[in-house]
PDB file of N, CA and C in Angstrom:
ATOM      1  N   UNK A   1      82.236  86.728 105.873  1.00  0.00           N
ATOM      2  CA  UNK A   1      81.975  88.166 105.998  1.00  0.00           C
ATOM      3  C   UNK A   1      83.287  88.953 105.832  1.00  0.00           C
ATOM      4  N   UNK A   2      83.229  89.995 105.018  1.00  0.00           N
ATOM      5  CA  UNK A   2      84.421  90.805 104.760  1.00  0.00           C
ATOM      6  C   UNK A   2      84.735  91.701 105.955  1.00  0.00           C
ATOM      7  N   UNK A   3      85.998  91.975 106.155  1.00  0.00           N
ATOM      8  CA  UNK A   3      86.383  92.892 107.222  1.00  0.00           C
ATOM      9  C   UNK A   3      86.051  94.324 106.791  1.00  0.00           C
ATOM     10  N   UNK A   4      85.812  95.215 107.766  1.00  0.00           N
ATOM     11  CA  UNK A   4      85.541  96.618 107.418  1.00  0.00           C
ATOM     12  C   UNK A   4      86.646  97.239 106.578  1.00  0.00           C
ATOM     13  N   UNK A   5      87.906  96.890 106.872  1.00  0.00           N
ATOM     14  CA  UNK A   5      89.021  97.454 106.123  1.00  0.00           C
ATOM     15  C   UNK A   5      88.970  97.031 104.658  1.00  0.00           C
ATOM     16  N   UNK A   6      88.559  95.781 104.409  1.00  0.00           N
ATOM     17  CA  UNK A   6      88.483  95.285 103.045  1.00  0.00           C
ATOM     18  C   UNK A   6      87.369  96.003 102.280  1.00  0.00           C
ATOM     19  N   UNK A   7      86.214  96.164 102.910  1.00  0.00           N
ATOM     20  CA  UNK A   7      85.098  96.864 102.270  1.00  0.00           C
ATOM     21  C   UNK A   7      85.493  98.309 101.963  1.00  0.00           C
ATOM     22  N   UNK A   8      86.124  98.988 102.932  1.00  0.00           N
ATOM     23  CA  UNK A   8      86.538 100.385 102.733  1.00  0.00           C
ATOM     24  C   UNK A   8      87.524 100.486 101.578  1.00  0.00           C
ATOM     25  N   UNK A   9      88.491  99.556 101.511  1.00  0.00           N
ATOM     26  CA  UNK A   9      89.480  99.577 100.439  1.00  0.00           C
ATOM     27  C   UNK A   9      88.821  99.332  99.087  1.00  0.00           C
ATOM     28  N   UNK A  10      87.850  98.431  99.047  1.00  0.00           N
ATOM     29  CA  UNK A  10      87.155  98.131  97.795  1.00  0.00           C
ATOM     30  C   UNK A  10      86.361  99.346  97.313  1.00  0.00           C
ATOM     31  N   UNK A  11      85.688 100.037  98.237  1.00  0.00           N
ATOM     32  CA  UNK A  11      84.919 101.228  97.859  1.00  0.00           C
ATOM     33  C   UNK A  11      85.872 102.327  97.382  1.00  0.00           C
ATOM     34  N   UNK A  12      86.981 102.537  98.091  1.00  0.00           N
ATOM     35  CA  UNK A  12      87.930 103.577  97.678  1.00  0.00           C
ATOM     36  C   UNK A  12      88.519 103.275  96.310  1.00  0.00           C
ATOM     37  N   UNK A  13      88.829 102.012  96.051  1.00  0.00           N
ATOM     38  CA  UNK A  13      89.364 101.633  94.745  1.00  0.00           C
ATOM     39  C   UNK A  13      88.317 101.884  93.656  1.00  0.00           C
ATOM     40  N   UNK A  14      87.064 101.549  93.927  1.00  0.00           N
ATOM     41  CA  UNK A  14      85.989 101.776  92.952  1.00  0.00           C
ATOM     42  C   UNK A  14      85.831 103.269  92.665  1.00  0.00           C
ATOM     43  N   UNK A  15      85.896 104.109  93.704  1.00  0.00           N
ATOM     44  CA  UNK A  15      85.770 105.555  93.508  1.00  0.00           C
ATOM     45  C   UNK A  15      86.913 106.090  92.653  1.00  0.00           C
ATOM     46  N   UNK A  16      88.105 105.514  92.806  1.00  0.00           N
ATOM     47  CA  UNK A  16      89.262 105.963  92.034  1.00  0.00           C
ATOM     48  C   UNK A  16      89.188 105.486  90.583  1.00  0.00           C
ATOM     49  N   UNK A  17      88.657 104.266  90.368  1.00  0.00           N
ATOM     50  CA  UNK A  17      88.714 103.655  89.042  1.00  0.00           C
ATOM     51  C   UNK A  17      87.468 103.868  88.194  1.00  0.00           C
ATOM     52  N   UNK A  18      86.333 104.127  88.812  1.00  0.00           N
ATOM     53  CA  UNK A  18      85.085 104.298  88.055  1.00  0.00           C
ATOM     54  C   UNK A  18      85.142 105.602  87.270  1.00  0.00           C
ATOM     55  N   UNK A  19      84.819 105.538  85.972  1.00  0.00           N
ATOM     56  CA  UNK A  19      84.926 106.734  85.132  1.00  0.00           C
ATOM     57  C   UNK A  19      83.935 107.824  85.536  1.00  0.00           C
ATOM     58  N   UNK A  20      82.889 107.469  86.284  1.00  0.00           N
ATOM     59  CA  UNK A  20      81.933 108.482  86.743  1.00  0.00           C
ATOM     60  C   UNK A  20      82.517 109.349  87.854  1.00  0.00           C
ATOM     61  N   UNK A  21      83.496 108.827  88.572  1.00  0.00           N
ATOM     62  CA  UNK A  21      84.011 109.548  89.732  1.00  0.00           C
ATOM     63  C   UNK A  21      85.493 109.880  89.629  1.00  0.00           C
ATOM     64  N   UNK A  22      86.349 108.887  89.354  1.00  0.00           N
ATOM     65  CA  UNK A  22      87.808 109.084  89.350  1.00  0.00           C
ATOM     66  C   UNK A  22      88.242 109.933  90.543  1.00  0.00           C
ATOM     67  N   UNK A  23      87.779 109.556  91.712  1.00  0.00           N
ATOM     68  CA  UNK A  23      87.949 110.375  92.911  1.00  0.00           C
ATOM     69  C   UNK A  23      88.918 109.718  93.876  1.00  0.00           C
ATOM     70  N   UNK A  24      89.976 110.460  94.241  1.00  0.00           N
ATOM     71  CA  UNK A  24      90.967 109.943  95.183  1.00  0.00           C
ATOM     72  C   UNK A  24      90.834 110.585  96.560  1.00  0.00           C
ATOM     73  N   UNK A  25      90.112 111.694  96.659  1.00  0.00           N
ATOM     74  CA  UNK A  25      90.115 112.474  97.890  1.00  0.00           C
ATOM     75  C   UNK A  25      88.989 112.184  98.865  1.00  0.00           C
ATOM     76  N   UNK A  26      88.304 111.061  98.697  1.00  0.00           N
ATOM     77  CA  UNK A  26      87.194 110.746  99.598  1.00  0.00           C
ATOM     78  C   UNK A  26      87.643 109.707 100.616  1.00  0.00           C
ATOM     79  N   UNK A  27      87.370 109.987 101.890  1.00  0.00           N
ATOM     80  CA  UNK A  27      87.700 109.034 102.950  1.00  0.00           C
ATOM     81  C   UNK A  27      86.509 108.104 103.155  1.00  0.00           C
ATOM     82  N   UNK A  28      86.769 106.831 103.205  1.00  0.00           N
ATOM     83  CA  UNK A  28      85.718 105.826 103.388  1.00  0.00           C
ATOM     84  C   UNK A  28      85.956 105.130 104.719  1.00  0.00           C
ATOM     85  N   UNK A  29      84.967 105.217 105.608  1.00  0.00           N
ATOM     86  CA  UNK A  29      85.034 104.511 106.892  1.00  0.00           C
ATOM     87  C   UNK A  29      83.889 103.510 106.938  1.00  0.00           C
ATOM     88  N   UNK A  30      84.184 102.300 107.399  1.00  0.00           N
ATOM     89  CA  UNK A  30      83.157 101.273 107.506  1.00  0.00           C
ATOM     90  C   UNK A  30      83.057 100.861 108.965  1.00  0.00           C
ATOM     91  N   UNK A  31      81.827 100.912 109.484  1.00  0.00           N
ATOM     92  CA  UNK A  31      81.563 100.446 110.855  1.00  0.00           C
ATOM     93  C   UNK A  31      80.352  99.529 110.805  1.00  0.00           C
ATOM     94  N   UNK A  32      80.587  98.247 111.014  1.00  0.00           N
ATOM     95  CA  UNK A  32      79.495  97.285 110.923  1.00  0.00           C
ATOM     96  C   UNK A  32      78.939  97.266 109.506  1.00  0.00           C
ATOM     97  N   UNK A  33      77.631  97.517 109.393  1.00  0.00           N
ATOM     98  CA  UNK A  33      76.974  97.529 108.084  1.00  0.00           C
ATOM     99  C   UNK A  33      76.828  98.951 107.541  1.00  0.00           C
ATOM    100  N   UNK A  34      77.580  99.887 108.087  1.00  0.00           N
ATOM    101  CA  UNK A  34      77.473 101.296 107.711  1.00  0.00           C
ATOM    102  C   UNK A  34      78.745 101.747 106.994  1.00  0.00           C
ATOM    103  N   UNK A  35      78.555 102.463 105.880  1.00  0.00           N
ATOM    104  CA  UNK A  35      79.672 103.040 105.132  1.00  0.00           C
ATOM    105  C   UNK A  35      79.547 104.559 105.223  1.00  0.00           C
ATOM    106  N   UNK A  36      80.610 105.218 105.671  1.00  0.00           N
ATOM    107  CA  UNK A  36      80.616 106.683 105.786  1.00  0.00           C
ATOM    108  C   UNK A  36      81.552 107.262 104.738  1.00  0.00           C
ATOM    109  N   UNK A  37      81.034 108.196 103.946  1.00  0.00           N
ATOM    110  CA  UNK A  37      81.831 108.885 102.929  1.00  0.00           C
ATOM    111  C   UNK A  37      82.101 110.291 103.414  1.00  0.00           C
ATOM    112  N   UNK A  38      83.376 110.677 103.448  1.00  0.00           N
ATOM    113  CA  UNK A  38      83.736 112.020 103.916  1.00  0.00           C
ATOM    114  C   UNK A  38      84.762 112.639 102.972  1.00  0.00           C
ATOM    115  N   UNK A  39      84.647 113.934 102.806  1.00  0.00           N
ATOM    116  CA  UNK A  39      85.568 114.650 101.936  1.00  0.00           C
ATOM    117  C   UNK A  39      84.878 115.878 101.385  1.00  0.00           C
ATOM    118  N   UNK A  40      85.468 116.454 100.355  1.00  0.00           N
ATOM    119  CA  UNK A  40      84.924 117.665  99.757  1.00  0.00           C
ATOM    120  C   UNK A  40      84.939 117.533  98.247  1.00  0.00           C
ATOM    121  N   UNK A  41      83.844 117.973  97.623  1.00  0.00           N
ATOM    122  CA  UNK A  41      83.751 118.015  96.165  1.00  0.00           C
ATOM    123  C   UNK A  41      83.162 119.356  95.765  1.00  0.00           C
ATOM    124  N   UNK A  42      83.233 119.659  94.463  1.00  0.00           N
ATOM    125  CA  UNK A  42      82.836 120.993  94.008  1.00  0.00           C
ATOM    126  C   UNK A  42      81.393 121.089  93.527  1.00  0.00           C
ATOM    127  N   UNK A  43      80.689 119.957  93.344  1.00  0.00           N
ATOM    128  CA  UNK A  43      79.294 120.063  92.904  1.00  0.00           C
ATOM    129  C   UNK A  43      78.460 118.899  93.427  1.00  0.00           C
ATOM    130  N   UNK A  44      77.154 119.147  93.534  1.00  0.00           N
ATOM    131  CA  UNK A  44      76.256 118.140  94.096  1.00  0.00           C
ATOM    132  C   UNK A  44      76.132 116.917  93.191  1.00  0.00           C
ATOM    133  N   UNK A  45      76.259 117.111  91.877  1.00  0.00           N
ATOM    134  CA  UNK A  45      76.201 115.968  90.945  1.00  0.00           C
ATOM    135  C   UNK A  45      77.338 114.998  91.237  1.00  0.00           C
ATOM    136  N   UNK A  46      78.533 115.517  91.484  1.00  0.00           N
ATOM    137  CA  UNK A  46      79.693 114.664  91.811  1.00  0.00           C
ATOM    138  C   UNK A  46      79.469 113.945  93.140  1.00  0.00           C
ATOM    139  N   UNK A  47      78.931 114.664  94.101  1.00  0.00           N
ATOM    140  CA  UNK A  47      78.628 114.079  95.417  1.00  0.00           C
ATOM    141  C   UNK A  47      77.669 112.894  95.243  1.00  0.00           C
ATOM    142  N   UNK A  48      76.650 113.083  94.404  1.00  0.00           N
ATOM    143  CA  UNK A  48      75.645 112.051  94.147  1.00  0.00           C
ATOM    144  C   UNK A  48      76.266 110.847  93.436  1.00  0.00           C
ATOM    145  N   UNK A  49      77.130 111.087  92.448  1.00  0.00           N
ATOM    146  CA  UNK A  49      77.777 109.996  91.723  1.00  0.00           C
ATOM    147  C   UNK A  49      78.661 109.163  92.657  1.00  0.00           C
ATOM    148  N   UNK A  50      79.378 109.835  93.554  1.00  0.00           N
ATOM    149  CA  UNK A  50      80.236 109.119  94.513  1.00  0.00           C
ATOM    150  C   UNK A  50      79.384 108.197  95.387  1.00  0.00           C
ATOM    151  N   UNK A  51      78.244 108.712  95.836  1.00  0.00           N
ATOM    152  CA  UNK A  51      77.339 107.896  96.651  1.00  0.00           C
ATOM    153  C   UNK A  51      76.827 106.694  95.851  1.00  0.00           C
ATOM    154  N   UNK A  52      76.462 106.901  94.581  1.00  0.00           N
ATOM    155  CA  UNK A  52      75.984 105.804  93.733  1.00  0.00           C
ATOM    156  C   UNK A  52      77.031 104.709  93.597  1.00  0.00           C
ATOM    157  N   UNK A  53      78.274 105.103  93.320  1.00  0.00           N
ATOM    158  CA  UNK A  53      79.349 104.123  93.151  1.00  0.00           C
ATOM    159  C   UNK A  53      79.559 103.354  94.465  1.00  0.00           C
ATOM    160  N   UNK A  54      79.511 104.061  95.590  1.00  0.00           N
ATOM    161  CA  UNK A  54      79.687 103.396  96.889  1.00  0.00           C
ATOM    162  C   UNK A  54      78.567 102.390  97.142  1.00  0.00           C
ATOM    163  N   UNK A  55      77.329 102.777  96.837  1.00  0.00           N
ATOM    164  CA  UNK A  55      76.187 101.858  97.027  1.00  0.00           C
ATOM    165  C   UNK A  55      76.322 100.608  96.158  1.00  0.00           C
ATOM    166  N   UNK A  56      76.760 100.793  94.909  1.00  0.00           N
ATOM    167  CA  UNK A  56      76.924  99.651  94.003  1.00  0.00           C
ATOM    168  C   UNK A  56      78.054  98.737  94.466  1.00  0.00           C
ATOM    169  N   UNK A  57      79.092  99.321  95.064  1.00  0.00           N
ATOM    170  CA  UNK A  57      80.269  98.558  95.477  1.00  0.00           C
ATOM    171  C   UNK A  57      80.049  97.830  96.800  1.00  0.00           C
ATOM    172  N   UNK A  58      79.159  98.360  97.637  1.00  0.00           N
ATOM    173  CA  UNK A  58      78.887  97.748  98.942  1.00  0.00           C
ATOM    174  C   UNK A  58      77.383  97.484  99.080  1.00  0.00           C
ATOM    175  N   UNK A  59      76.843  96.588  98.250  1.00  0.00           N
ATOM    176  CA  UNK A  59      75.402  96.323  98.305  1.00  0.00           C
ATOM    177  C   UNK A  59      74.995  95.758  99.664  1.00  0.00           C
ATOM    178  N   UNK A  60      73.825  96.166 100.108  1.00  0.00           N
ATOM    179  CA  UNK A  60      73.334  95.672 101.390  1.00  0.00           C
ATOM    180  C   UNK A  60      73.835  96.472 102.574  1.00  0.00           C
ATOM    181  N   UNK A  61      74.733  97.418 102.345  1.00  0.00           N
ATOM    182  CA  UNK A  61      75.238  98.252 103.431  1.00  0.00           C
ATOM    183  C   UNK A  61      74.588  99.629 103.351  1.00  0.00           C
ATOM    184  N   UNK A  62      74.462 100.275 104.486  1.00  0.00           N
ATOM    185  CA  UNK A  62      73.874 101.610 104.525  1.00  0.00           C
ATOM    186  C   UNK A  62      74.969 102.651 104.297  1.00  0.00           C
ATOM    187  N   UNK A  63      74.781 103.492 103.295  1.00  0.00           N
ATOM    188  CA  UNK A  63      75.783 104.498 102.938  1.00  0.00           C
ATOM    189  C   UNK A  63      75.369 105.850 103.504  1.00  0.00           C
ATOM    190  N   UNK A  64      76.269 106.460 104.273  1.00  0.00           N
ATOM    191  CA  UNK A  64      76.056 107.802 104.827  1.00  0.00           C
ATOM    192  C   UNK A  64      76.942 108.758 104.041  1.00  0.00           C
ATOM    193  N   UNK A  65      76.325 109.632 103.268  1.00  0.00           N
ATOM    194  CA  UNK A  65      77.088 110.573 102.447  1.00  0.00           C
ATOM    195  C   UNK A  65      77.304 111.848 103.246  1.00  0.00           C
ATOM    196  N   UNK A  66      78.498 111.991 103.811  1.00  0.00           N
ATOM    197  CA  UNK A  66      78.842 113.167 104.612  1.00  0.00           C
ATOM    198  C   UNK A  66      79.806 114.080 103.855  1.00  0.00           C
ATOM    199  N   UNK A  67      79.814 113.936 102.537  1.00  0.00           N
ATOM    200  CA  UNK A  67      80.680 114.755 101.681  1.00  0.00           C
ATOM    201  C   UNK A  67      80.130 116.177 101.648  1.00  0.00           C
ATOM    202  N   UNK A  68      81.009 117.144 101.811  1.00  0.00           N
ATOM    203  CA  UNK A  68      80.585 118.541 101.785  1.00  0.00           C
ATOM    204  C   UNK A  68      80.922 119.176 100.441  1.00  0.00           C
ATOM    205  N   UNK A  69      80.153 120.197 100.096  1.00  0.00           N
ATOM    206  CA  UNK A  69      80.383 120.920  98.851  1.00  0.00           C
ATOM    207  C   UNK A  69      81.241 122.139  99.136  1.00  0.00           C
ATOM    208  N   UNK A  70      82.233 122.343  98.300  1.00  0.00           N
ATOM    209  CA  UNK A  70      83.076 123.539  98.410  1.00  0.00           C
ATOM    210  C   UNK A  70      83.024 124.271  97.082  1.00  0.00           C
ATOM    211  N   UNK A  71      83.022 125.575  97.147  1.00  0.00           N
ATOM    212  CA  UNK A  71      83.000 126.373  95.934  1.00  0.00           C
ATOM    213  C   UNK A  71      84.417 126.468  95.397  1.00  0.00           C
ATOM    214  N   UNK A  72      84.583 126.013  94.177  1.00  0.00           N
ATOM    215  CA  UNK A  72      85.900 126.080  93.545  1.00  0.00           C
ATOM    216  C   UNK A  72      85.974 127.373  92.734  1.00  0.00           C
ATOM    217  N   UNK A  73      87.010 128.145  92.969  1.00  0.00           N
ATOM    218  CA  UNK A  73      87.209 129.385  92.204  1.00  0.00           C
ATOM    219  C   UNK A  73      87.957 129.065  90.916  1.00  0.00           C
ATOM    220  N   UNK A  74      87.643 129.790  89.876  1.00  0.00           N
ATOM    221  CA  UNK A  74      88.385 129.629  88.620  1.00  0.00           C
ATOM    222  C   UNK A  74      89.819 130.124  88.847  1.00  0.00           C
ATOM    223  N   UNK A  75      90.784 129.515  88.164  1.00  0.00           N
ATOM    224  CA  UNK A  75      92.173 129.998  88.296  1.00  0.00           C
ATOM    225  C   UNK A  75      92.251 131.475  87.944  1.00  0.00           C
ATOM    226  N   UNK A  76      92.918 132.231  88.775  1.00  0.00           N
ATOM    227  CA  UNK A  76      93.076 133.653  88.525  1.00  0.00           C
ATOM    228  C   UNK A  76      91.965 134.503  89.114  1.00  0.00           C
ATOM    229  N   UNK A  77      90.905 133.860  89.568  1.00  0.00           N
ATOM    230  CA  UNK A  77      89.800 134.612  90.161  1.00  0.00           C
ATOM    231  C   UNK A  77      90.188 134.988  91.593  1.00  0.00           C
ATOM    232  N   UNK A  78      89.917 136.219  91.964  1.00  0.00           N
ATOM    233  CA  UNK A  78      90.283 136.658  93.314  1.00  0.00           C
ATOM    234  C   UNK A  78      89.243 136.208  94.322  1.00  0.00           C
ATOM    235  N   UNK A  79      89.730 135.881  95.491  1.00  0.00           N
ATOM    236  CA  UNK A  79      88.833 135.511  96.573  1.00  0.00           C
ATOM    237  C   UNK A  79      88.560 136.752  97.397  1.00  0.00           C
ATOM    238  N   UNK A  80      87.280 137.068  97.599  1.00  0.00           N
ATOM    239  CA  UNK A  80      86.904 138.248  98.386  1.00  0.00           C
ATOM    240  C   UNK A  80      86.439 137.791  99.752  1.00  0.00           C
ATOM    241  N   UNK A  81      87.095 138.258 100.777  1.00  0.00           N
ATOM    242  CA  UNK A  81      86.737 137.872 102.143  1.00  0.00           C
ATOM    243  C   UNK A  81      85.924 138.932 102.821  1.00  0.00           C
TER     244      UNK A  81
END
């Protein structure tokens, strides 16, 4: 049985290297048979792809997608508060 740290590292490496995601900013926590994904992305499609890659990388484990969506402003666009 793999250690939680090994599973988390494998999922993070897959998220960074998979061409669907190329994501470095997601935190992966593993507790028992549970994988927790945390971080922020700009669209729901990206959030879904990250979850897919995590599921493929850690088969048989339950993936909890706790990634939040943030609105990304275009460069030069003013933020109105």
